[in-house]
């Protein structure tokens, strides 16, 4: 029988097949930022402001391919600390370039980039640690600068069905670049 400790270590490690490399295209976004203290972090407050914007502007009629994402901006380097509840969070939704955005939201431009993507399996967000370890051990990719996004998958259907937490699926997106050999 296999050593249980070794089996557990294997389960707690991402393999290359568990991580997808994707390119996020440049996009214009409406952004909402919230900071403060909350038991589970402040992400729900920022995403709630974005949800309100999406419904009030009927954004999905204008842009059915809208993407929803956010990131922990508690630290100046925008790195995620696995297990720590965010004290500042910024949520984004992609919008048409010419769309007006009113305060408290702000309009921003995102330049795009390459990301290592892994679907979140546990609402404790411990998969961030696994994804960061994968990047450290990768022979092909290394972490790059920029925010570590949490992208809501199937955003169109989620928002059209009431944005229920139990229906939410999230990709963790770690900025990466190919190593120069």
Protein backbone atom coordinates (compact mmCIF):
# COMPACT_ATOMS: atom_id res chain seq x y z
CA UNK A 1 0.00 0.00 0.00
CA UNK A 2 1.22 3.50 -0.84
CA UNK A 3 2.48 5.76 1.94
CA UNK A 4 -0.53 7.94 3.01
CA UNK A 5 1.71 10.96 3.64
CA UNK A 6 3.16 10.76 0.13
CA UNK A 7 -0.34 10.34 -1.35
CA UNK A 8 -1.54 13.46 0.51
CA UNK A 9 1.49 15.44 -0.73
CA UNK A 10 0.64 14.43 -4.31
CA UNK A 11 -2.96 15.60 -3.84
CA UNK A 12 -1.69 18.94 -2.54
CA UNK A 13 0.34 19.70 -5.66
CA UNK A 14 -0.72 20.90 -9.09
CA UNK A 15 0.61 19.12 -12.15
CA UNK A 16 1.01 20.79 -15.54
CA UNK A 17 -2.25 19.13 -16.66
CA UNK A 18 -4.08 20.99 -13.83
CA UNK A 19 -3.03 24.42 -15.13
CA UNK A 20 -4.03 26.11 -18.38
CA UNK A 21 -2.01 28.95 -19.93
CA UNK A 22 -4.36 31.61 -21.29
CA UNK A 23 -4.09 35.08 -22.75
CA UNK A 24 -6.40 37.75 -21.36
CA UNK A 25 -7.01 40.29 -24.12
CA UNK A 26 -6.80 44.03 -23.56
CA UNK A 27 -10.15 45.39 -22.39
CA UNK A 28 -11.95 48.42 -21.03
CA UNK A 29 -13.51 47.77 -17.62
CA UNK A 30 -15.75 49.33 -15.04
CA UNK A 31 -13.99 48.95 -11.68
CA UNK A 32 -15.27 49.04 -8.11
CA UNK A 33 -12.93 49.07 -5.12
CA UNK A 34 -13.86 48.39 -1.51
CA UNK A 35 -11.66 48.31 1.57
CA UNK A 36 -12.27 47.59 5.21
CA UNK A 37 -12.54 44.61 7.51
CA UNK A 38 -14.86 41.63 7.10
CA UNK A 39 -14.71 38.05 8.33
CA UNK A 40 -14.34 36.61 4.82
CA UNK A 41 -12.71 39.59 3.16
CA UNK A 42 -14.27 42.48 1.28
CA UNK A 43 -14.69 40.94 -2.18
CA UNK A 44 -18.49 40.62 -1.93
CA UNK A 45 -18.89 44.37 -1.36
CA UNK A 46 -16.89 45.27 -4.49
CA UNK A 47 -18.54 42.59 -6.63
CA UNK A 48 -21.95 43.73 -5.38
CA UNK A 49 -21.26 47.23 -6.75
CA UNK A 50 -20.36 45.69 -10.12
CA UNK A 51 -23.49 43.50 -10.13
CA UNK A 52 -25.64 46.58 -9.51
CA UNK A 53 -23.92 48.37 -12.42
CA UNK A 54 -24.46 45.37 -14.74
CA UNK A 55 -28.18 45.22 -13.93
CA UNK A 56 -28.82 49.00 -14.00
CA UNK A 57 -27.05 49.53 -17.34
CA UNK A 58 -28.35 46.28 -18.87
CA UNK A 59 -24.72 45.67 -19.79
CA UNK A 60 -25.24 42.10 -20.94
CA UNK A 61 -27.62 43.28 -23.68
CA UNK A 62 -24.85 45.57 -24.96
CA UNK A 63 -21.96 43.20 -24.29
CA UNK A 64 -23.01 39.55 -23.90
CA UNK A 65 -19.33 38.56 -23.86
CA UNK A 66 -18.63 40.64 -20.73
CA UNK A 67 -16.09 39.17 -18.33
CA UNK A 68 -16.29 39.55 -14.57
CA UNK A 69 -13.17 39.39 -12.43
CA UNK A 70 -11.58 40.82 -9.35
CA UNK A 71 -8.40 40.85 -7.34
CA UNK A 72 -7.10 41.33 -3.83
CA UNK A 73 -5.44 44.74 -3.72
CA UNK A 74 -4.54 44.62 -0.01
CA UNK A 75 -0.83 44.54 -0.87
CA UNK A 76 1.03 47.07 -3.00
CA UNK A 77 2.51 44.29 -5.19
CA UNK A 78 -0.99 42.85 -5.83
CA UNK A 79 0.22 39.37 -4.84
CA UNK A 80 -2.23 37.01 -3.17
CA UNK A 81 -1.46 35.68 0.28
CA UNK A 82 -3.23 32.31 0.45
CA UNK A 83 -5.48 32.02 3.47
CA UNK A 84 -5.50 35.75 4.29
CA UNK A 85 -8.82 37.60 4.09
CA UNK A 86 -8.49 40.60 1.74
CA UNK A 87 -8.85 44.04 3.31
CA UNK A 88 -9.08 45.70 -0.12
CA UNK A 89 -10.64 44.22 -3.24
CA UNK A 90 -11.22 45.56 -6.74
CA UNK A 91 -13.90 44.03 -8.98
CA UNK A 92 -14.07 44.54 -12.74
CA UNK A 93 -16.50 43.92 -15.55
CA UNK A 94 -15.49 44.40 -19.17
CA UNK A 95 -17.51 47.06 -20.98
CA UNK A 96 -17.74 48.61 -24.45
CA UNK A 97 -14.91 51.12 -24.91
CA UNK A 98 -17.32 54.04 -25.35
CA UNK A 99 -19.54 53.23 -22.34
CA UNK A 100 -19.95 55.87 -19.64
CA UNK A 101 -19.11 54.86 -16.06
CA UNK A 102 -20.36 56.93 -13.13
CA UNK A 103 -18.88 57.19 -9.61
CA UNK A 104 -18.26 55.39 -7.37
CA UNK A 105 -17.14 53.11 -10.23
CA UNK A 106 -14.24 54.14 -12.44
CA UNK A 107 -13.40 53.32 -16.04
CA UNK A 108 -10.03 51.64 -16.62
CA UNK A 109 -8.07 50.06 -19.43
CA UNK A 110 -6.41 46.68 -18.91
CA UNK A 111 -3.49 45.88 -21.21
CA UNK A 112 -3.97 42.11 -21.27
CA UNK A 113 -1.41 39.42 -20.56
CA UNK A 114 -0.54 35.77 -20.11
CA UNK A 115 -1.95 33.91 -17.12
CA UNK A 116 -1.75 30.48 -15.55
CA UNK A 117 -5.36 29.44 -14.93
CA UNK A 118 -6.70 26.91 -12.45
CA UNK A 119 -10.32 26.40 -11.45
CA UNK A 120 -11.00 27.13 -7.78
CA UNK A 121 -11.97 23.89 -6.03
CA UNK A 122 -12.42 25.10 -2.46
CA UNK A 123 -13.96 28.33 -1.17
CA UNK A 124 -11.08 28.66 1.32
CA UNK A 125 -9.00 29.81 -1.69
CA UNK A 126 -6.07 27.53 -0.72
CA UNK A 127 -5.65 26.75 -4.42
CA UNK A 128 -3.83 30.11 -4.70
CA UNK A 129 -0.97 28.57 -2.72
CA UNK A 130 -0.93 25.53 -5.02
CA UNK A 131 -0.91 27.70 -8.15
CA UNK A 132 1.93 29.85 -6.81
CA UNK A 133 3.92 26.70 -5.95
CA UNK A 134 3.28 25.37 -9.46
CA UNK A 135 4.76 28.57 -10.95
CA UNK A 136 7.82 28.40 -8.65
CA UNK A 137 8.49 24.79 -9.70
CA UNK A 138 7.67 25.20 -13.40
CA UNK A 139 10.52 24.70 -15.84
CA UNK A 140 8.75 26.79 -18.49
CA UNK A 141 6.89 29.65 -16.74
CA UNK A 142 7.54 32.07 -13.91
CA UNK A 143 5.37 34.63 -12.14
CA UNK A 144 5.07 38.02 -13.81
CA UNK A 145 3.91 41.35 -12.44
CA UNK A 146 0.29 42.42 -12.28
CA UNK A 147 -2.84 41.46 -10.40
CA UNK A 148 -3.75 37.88 -9.55
CA UNK A 149 -7.32 37.69 -10.85
CA UNK A 150 -10.29 35.64 -9.79
CA UNK A 151 -12.41 35.38 -12.95
CA UNK A 152 -16.06 34.38 -12.78
CA UNK A 153 -16.75 31.68 -15.36
CA UNK A 154 -19.91 31.72 -17.48
CA UNK A 155 -20.53 35.31 -16.39
CA UNK A 156 -23.46 35.86 -18.79
CA UNK A 157 -25.52 32.95 -17.44
CA UNK A 158 -24.59 33.63 -13.83
CA UNK A 159 -25.73 37.25 -14.00
CA UNK A 160 -28.90 36.38 -15.91
CA UNK A 161 -29.81 33.83 -13.24
CA UNK A 162 -29.54 36.12 -10.22
CA UNK A 163 -25.79 35.83 -9.49
CA UNK A 164 -26.27 33.08 -6.89
CA UNK A 165 -23.13 32.09 -5.00
CA UNK A 166 -23.94 28.37 -5.30
CA UNK A 167 -23.84 28.69 -9.12
CA UNK A 168 -20.51 30.53 -9.19
CA UNK A 169 -17.39 28.96 -10.68
CA UNK A 170 -14.10 30.82 -10.53
CA UNK A 171 -10.77 30.55 -12.32
CA UNK A 172 -7.71 31.69 -10.41
CA UNK A 173 -5.45 33.61 -12.82
CA UNK A 174 -1.79 34.05 -11.93
CA UNK A 175 0.23 36.38 -14.21
CA UNK A 176 3.09 34.44 -15.80
CA UNK A 177 5.72 34.80 -18.48
CA UNK A 178 7.74 32.23 -20.36
CA UNK A 179 11.25 31.72 -19.05
CA UNK A 180 14.03 32.75 -21.39
CA UNK A 181 16.34 29.83 -22.08
